[in-house]
């Protein structure tokens, strides 16, 4: 329970002030522990920050699996991208993913999304059909939109963000065929 509280407090500090604000002292104060209590569980700051990143990645993963309604990998990528779009369209479901991207880079977010989205690794061009290409483009567009929102000094307003998400979803088509 103590380790979990330490990680949660670390994530709060990252959310409020960024990863650079994470120190043993700041986490100890927030968690109501001593510096030694933090060091006992996380010997280095790097391990503490890594635990916070992993916690955020698990949160993003769990949110996406919940949006899919099935365990990760048990759905086709086209449906999974639609679930991702539905998830990011809601302001309340975006913070974990945006924080993961802004604080730890897009690689951390993509790692958290690969398994629940059922994303294949290293497929050749011959293995991609038109639906795979549309799905991949929609995923890239959604990822870029989230990265922009997470890192921009002037993020998009909710109406514009919602319209862009709807446009990405329309690009997928209803049944794998392009929207007209």
Protein backbone atom coordinates (compact mmCIF):
# COMPACT_ATOMS: atom_id res chain seq x y z
CA UNK A 1 0.00 0.00 0.00
CA UNK A 2 2.86 2.40 0.81
CA UNK A 3 4.52 1.85 -2.59
CA UNK A 4 1.20 2.52 -4.33
CA UNK A 5 0.69 5.75 -2.36
CA UNK A 6 4.24 6.89 -3.17
CA UNK A 7 3.63 6.32 -6.88
CA UNK A 8 0.26 8.08 -6.79
CA UNK A 9 1.80 11.10 -5.08
CA UNK A 10 4.62 11.11 -7.63
CA UNK A 11 2.07 11.12 -10.46
CA UNK A 12 0.26 14.05 -8.79
CA UNK A 13 3.51 16.01 -8.62
CA UNK A 14 4.21 15.25 -12.29
CA UNK A 15 0.67 16.35 -13.22
CA UNK A 16 1.01 19.62 -11.35
CA UNK A 17 4.63 20.60 -11.90
CA UNK A 18 6.28 18.20 -14.34
CA UNK A 19 8.76 15.39 -13.93
CA UNK A 20 11.57 17.77 -12.97
CA UNK A 21 9.70 18.61 -9.75
CA UNK A 22 9.91 15.00 -8.53
CA UNK A 23 12.35 14.77 -5.64
CA UNK A 24 12.47 12.42 -2.67
CA UNK A 25 11.57 15.39 -0.49
CA UNK A 26 8.57 16.52 -2.57
CA UNK A 27 7.16 12.99 -2.69
CA UNK A 28 7.80 12.41 1.02
CA UNK A 29 6.01 15.63 1.93
CA UNK A 30 3.04 14.81 -0.31
CA UNK A 31 2.81 11.18 0.87
CA UNK A 32 3.25 12.05 4.53
CA UNK A 33 6.41 9.95 4.80
CA UNK A 34 10.05 10.61 5.50
CA UNK A 35 12.68 10.84 2.79
CA UNK A 36 14.05 7.56 4.12
CA UNK A 37 10.63 5.97 3.71
CA UNK A 38 10.66 6.87 0.03
CA UNK A 39 14.26 5.71 -0.47
CA UNK A 40 13.45 2.41 1.24
CA UNK A 41 10.98 1.63 -1.58
CA UNK A 42 12.74 3.44 -4.45
CA UNK A 43 16.52 3.64 -4.05
CA UNK A 44 16.95 6.24 -6.81
CA UNK A 45 14.92 9.08 -8.25
CA UNK A 46 15.13 7.32 -11.63
CA UNK A 47 13.39 4.24 -10.18
CA UNK A 48 10.69 6.44 -8.65
CA UNK A 49 10.05 8.27 -11.93
CA UNK A 50 10.07 4.93 -13.80
CA UNK A 51 7.44 3.58 -11.40
CA UNK A 52 5.27 6.67 -12.05
CA UNK A 53 5.68 6.24 -15.82
CA UNK A 54 4.75 2.55 -15.58
CA UNK A 55 1.72 3.44 -13.45
CA UNK A 56 0.56 5.97 -16.06
CA UNK A 57 1.11 3.44 -18.86
CA UNK A 58 -0.97 0.85 -16.97
CA UNK A 59 -3.69 3.46 -16.39
CA UNK A 60 -3.80 4.31 -20.11
CA UNK A 61 -3.78 0.61 -20.99
CA UNK A 62 -6.62 -0.16 -18.56
CA UNK A 63 -8.70 2.80 -19.78
CA UNK A 64 -8.36 1.66 -23.37
CA UNK A 65 -9.15 -1.97 -22.56
CA UNK A 66 -12.26 -0.75 -20.71
CA UNK A 67 -13.25 1.36 -23.74
CA UNK A 68 -12.87 -1.69 -25.98
CA UNK A 69 -15.02 -3.79 -23.68
CA UNK A 70 -12.85 -6.85 -24.31
CA UNK A 71 -9.38 -7.93 -23.15
CA UNK A 72 -6.49 -6.49 -25.15
CA UNK A 73 -5.78 -8.20 -28.43
CA UNK A 74 -9.29 -9.72 -28.59
CA UNK A 75 -10.51 -7.19 -31.14
CA UNK A 76 -9.49 -6.02 -34.57
CA UNK A 77 -7.30 -2.90 -34.79
CA UNK A 78 -10.01 -1.02 -36.75
CA UNK A 79 -12.45 -1.39 -33.83
CA UNK A 80 -9.68 -0.63 -31.34
CA UNK A 81 -8.83 2.68 -33.06
CA UNK A 82 -12.53 3.61 -32.92
CA UNK A 83 -12.48 2.88 -29.18
CA UNK A 84 -9.35 5.00 -28.81
CA UNK A 85 -11.03 7.86 -30.68
CA UNK A 86 -14.13 7.57 -28.48
CA UNK A 87 -11.90 7.57 -25.41
CA UNK A 88 -9.86 10.64 -26.38
CA UNK A 89 -12.99 12.53 -27.45
CA UNK A 90 -13.99 12.72 -23.78
CA UNK A 91 -12.01 15.33 -21.80
CA UNK A 92 -12.24 13.22 -18.65
CA UNK A 93 -10.51 10.21 -20.21
CA UNK A 94 -7.51 12.04 -21.74
CA UNK A 95 -5.34 13.24 -18.84
CA UNK A 96 -3.34 10.07 -18.22
CA UNK A 97 -2.41 9.68 -21.87
CA UNK A 98 -1.57 13.35 -22.30
CA UNK A 99 0.60 13.33 -19.18
CA UNK A 100 2.35 10.17 -20.34
CA UNK A 101 3.15 11.80 -23.69
CA UNK A 102 4.16 15.21 -22.35
CA UNK A 103 6.36 13.92 -19.55
CA UNK A 104 7.85 10.75 -21.02
CA UNK A 105 7.54 11.14 -24.79
CA UNK A 106 5.41 9.47 -27.45
CA UNK A 107 7.29 6.17 -27.16
CA UNK A 108 5.89 5.60 -23.67
CA UNK A 109 2.34 6.21 -24.88
CA UNK A 110 2.70 4.03 -27.95
CA UNK A 111 4.06 1.21 -25.79
CA UNK A 112 1.00 1.47 -23.56
CA UNK A 113 -1.31 1.34 -26.59
CA UNK A 114 0.30 -1.41 -28.67
CA UNK A 115 -1.14 -4.45 -26.85
CA UNK A 116 -4.73 -3.24 -26.20
CA UNK A 117 -5.00 -1.96 -29.76
CA UNK A 118 -3.74 -5.27 -31.11
CA UNK A 119 -1.18 -3.41 -33.19
CA UNK A 120 0.93 -5.73 -35.25
CA UNK A 121 4.65 -5.12 -35.19
CA UNK A 122 6.77 -5.07 -38.32
CA UNK A 123 4.17 -5.96 -40.96
CA UNK A 124 5.35 -5.72 -44.54
CA UNK A 125 3.58 -3.60 -47.16
CA UNK A 126 2.31 -6.77 -48.87
CA UNK A 127 0.46 -7.74 -45.68
CA UNK A 128 -1.46 -4.44 -45.43
CA UNK A 129 -4.89 -4.13 -47.02
CA UNK A 130 -6.79 -0.85 -47.48
CA UNK A 131 -8.50 -1.18 -44.09
CA UNK A 132 -5.12 -1.72 -42.38
CA UNK A 133 -3.81 1.42 -44.05
CA UNK A 134 -6.85 3.51 -43.01
CA UNK A 135 -6.60 2.14 -39.48
CA UNK A 136 -2.87 2.93 -39.30
CA UNK A 137 -3.42 6.45 -40.63
CA UNK A 138 -6.24 7.05 -38.13
CA UNK A 139 -4.01 5.84 -35.29
CA UNK A 140 -1.18 8.12 -36.41
CA UNK A 141 -3.59 11.06 -36.67
CA UNK A 142 -5.02 10.35 -33.20
CA UNK A 143 -1.51 10.00 -31.76
CA UNK A 144 -0.43 13.29 -33.37
CA UNK A 145 -3.53 15.05 -32.08
CA UNK A 146 -2.90 13.82 -28.55
CA UNK A 147 0.77 14.78 -28.74
CA UNK A 148 -0.18 18.25 -29.91
CA UNK A 149 -2.69 18.68 -27.08
CA UNK A 150 -0.22 17.36 -24.51
CA UNK A 151 2.75 19.48 -25.56
CA UNK A 152 1.35 22.62 -27.20
CA UNK A 153 1.50 25.97 -25.46
CA UNK A 154 -1.85 26.70 -27.14
CA UNK A 155 -3.92 23.49 -27.08
CA UNK A 156 -7.04 23.25 -29.20
CA UNK A 157 -10.38 24.19 -27.68
CA UNK A 158 -12.76 21.30 -26.95
CA UNK A 159 -15.00 21.99 -29.95
CA UNK A 160 -12.11 21.96 -32.43
CA UNK A 161 -10.58 18.90 -30.76
CA UNK A 162 -13.93 17.08 -30.97
CA UNK A 163 -14.37 17.97 -34.63
CA UNK A 164 -10.90 16.66 -35.46
CA UNK A 165 -11.57 13.39 -33.61
CA UNK A 166 -14.86 13.02 -35.51
CA UNK A 167 -13.01 13.63 -38.80
CA UNK A 168 -10.45 10.96 -37.97
CA UNK A 169 -13.26 8.54 -37.17
CA UNK A 170 -15.05 9.34 -40.44
CA UNK A 171 -11.84 8.55 -42.32
CA UNK A 172 -12.14 4.97 -41.07
CA UNK A 173 -15.50 4.49 -42.82
CA UNK A 174 -18.39 2.47 -41.42
CA UNK A 175 -17.35 -1.03 -42.43
CA UNK A 176 -13.78 -0.67 -43.51
CA UNK A 177 -14.70 1.28 -46.64
CA UNK A 178 -13.67 4.92 -46.98
CA UNK A 179 -16.24 7.50 -45.94
CA UNK A 180 -17.72 9.35 -48.88
